[in-house]
Amino acid sequence: MSEHAGVDEMECKHLIELVTDYLEGALPADERAELEAHLEECDWCERYIEQTRQVIGAVGRVGDDPDPDAWERALRAFRERHPPA
């Protein structure tokens, strides 16, 4: 697998639009299968899904309005685990 080599970047953009539904188990089976097939080919999207999962776990459900202190703690924890390259 590689960053985006050989992978249609439009698929990556589509995955980003579906990430919340995917992580909440709300995608129809056919879209879920298509997304998971893409993840097998794309390291970037696989990392994106994992990082999003970690942020959701730290902050709570996507769409909830966490208090500012919780949000800052979650961002700090995320940045410590995933420093910029």
Protein backbone atom coordinates (compact mmCIF):
# COMPACT_ATOMS: atom_id res chain seq x y z
CA MET A 1 0.00 0.00 0.00
CA SER A 2 1.08 3.57 -0.52
CA GLU A 3 -0.14 7.09 0.22
CA HIS A 4 -2.29 7.68 -2.85
CA ALA A 5 -0.34 5.86 -5.57
CA GLY A 6 -2.75 3.91 -7.72
CA VAL A 7 -5.75 5.11 -5.74
CA ASP A 8 -8.37 7.46 -7.14
CA GLU A 9 -8.17 10.59 -4.96
CA MET A 10 -11.87 11.21 -5.64
CA GLU A 11 -12.51 8.00 -3.69
CA CYS A 12 -10.48 9.49 -0.82
CA LYS A 13 -12.61 12.65 -0.86
CA HIS A 14 -15.77 10.53 -0.89
CA LEU A 15 -14.50 8.50 2.08
CA ILE A 16 -13.95 11.70 4.06
CA GLU A 17 -17.60 12.63 3.46
CA LEU A 18 -18.74 9.23 4.77
CA VAL A 19 -16.42 8.83 7.77
CA THR A 20 -19.00 9.66 10.44
CA ASP A 21 -21.63 7.30 9.05
CA TYR A 22 -18.97 4.60 8.63
CA LEU A 23 -17.74 4.87 12.21
CA GLU A 24 -21.29 4.95 13.57
CA GLY A 25 -22.25 1.84 11.55
CA ALA A 26 -24.86 3.82 9.60
CA LEU A 27 -23.63 3.11 6.05
CA PRO A 28 -25.61 0.75 3.82
CA ALA A 29 -23.81 -2.59 3.36
CA ASP A 30 -22.80 -1.90 -0.25
CA GLU A 31 -21.22 1.49 0.59
CA ARG A 32 -19.50 0.01 3.64
CA ALA A 33 -18.00 -2.80 1.52
CA GLU A 34 -16.81 -0.29 -1.09
CA LEU A 35 -15.27 1.95 1.57
CA GLU A 36 -13.52 -0.99 3.27
CA ALA A 37 -12.12 -2.16 -0.10
CA HIS A 38 -10.71 1.35 -0.57
CA LEU A 39 -9.14 1.24 2.91
CA GLU A 40 -7.26 -1.93 1.93
CA GLU A 41 -5.59 0.02 -0.88
CA CYS A 42 -5.01 3.43 0.70
CA ASP A 43 -2.75 4.00 3.72
CA TRP A 44 -3.76 7.65 3.94
CA CYS A 45 -7.46 6.91 4.33
CA GLU A 46 -6.75 4.06 6.73
CA ARG A 47 -4.82 6.48 8.96
CA TYR A 48 -7.54 9.11 8.57
CA ILE A 49 -10.21 6.67 9.77
CA GLU A 50 -8.09 5.61 12.75
CA GLN A 51 -7.30 9.19 13.74
CA THR A 52 -10.96 10.16 13.45
CA ARG A 53 -11.93 7.15 15.58
CA GLN A 54 -9.46 8.29 18.25
CA VAL A 55 -10.76 11.86 18.23
CA ILE A 56 -14.36 10.65 18.53
CA GLY A 57 -13.35 8.39 21.39
CA ALA A 58 -11.64 11.28 23.18
CA VAL A 59 -14.36 13.85 22.59
CA GLY A 60 -17.55 11.84 22.31
CA ARG A 61 -20.00 11.43 19.46
CA VAL A 62 -19.53 13.55 16.38
CA GLY A 63 -22.06 16.35 16.43
CA ASP A 64 -22.15 16.77 20.19
CA ASP A 65 -20.92 20.11 21.51
CA PRO A 66 -18.24 19.26 24.08
CA ASP A 67 -17.27 21.85 26.61
CA PRO A 68 -14.19 23.86 25.56
CA ASP A 69 -11.93 22.22 28.16
CA ALA A 70 -12.80 18.72 26.92
CA TRP A 71 -12.17 19.78 23.34
CA GLU A 72 -8.76 21.25 24.22
CA ARG A 73 -7.78 18.11 26.16
CA ALA A 74 -8.79 15.93 23.20
CA LEU A 75 -6.82 18.06 20.73
CA ARG A 76 -3.76 18.05 22.98
CA ALA A 77 -3.94 14.26 23.37
CA PHE A 78 -4.34 13.81 19.61
CA ARG A 79 -1.40 16.09 18.83
CA GLU A 80 0.81 14.26 21.34
CA ARG A 81 0.02 10.91 19.72
CA HIS A 82 0.28 12.22 16.15
CA PRO A 83 2.86 14.99 15.92
CA PRO A 84 3.18 16.74 12.54
CA ALA A 85 5.60 15.10 10.15
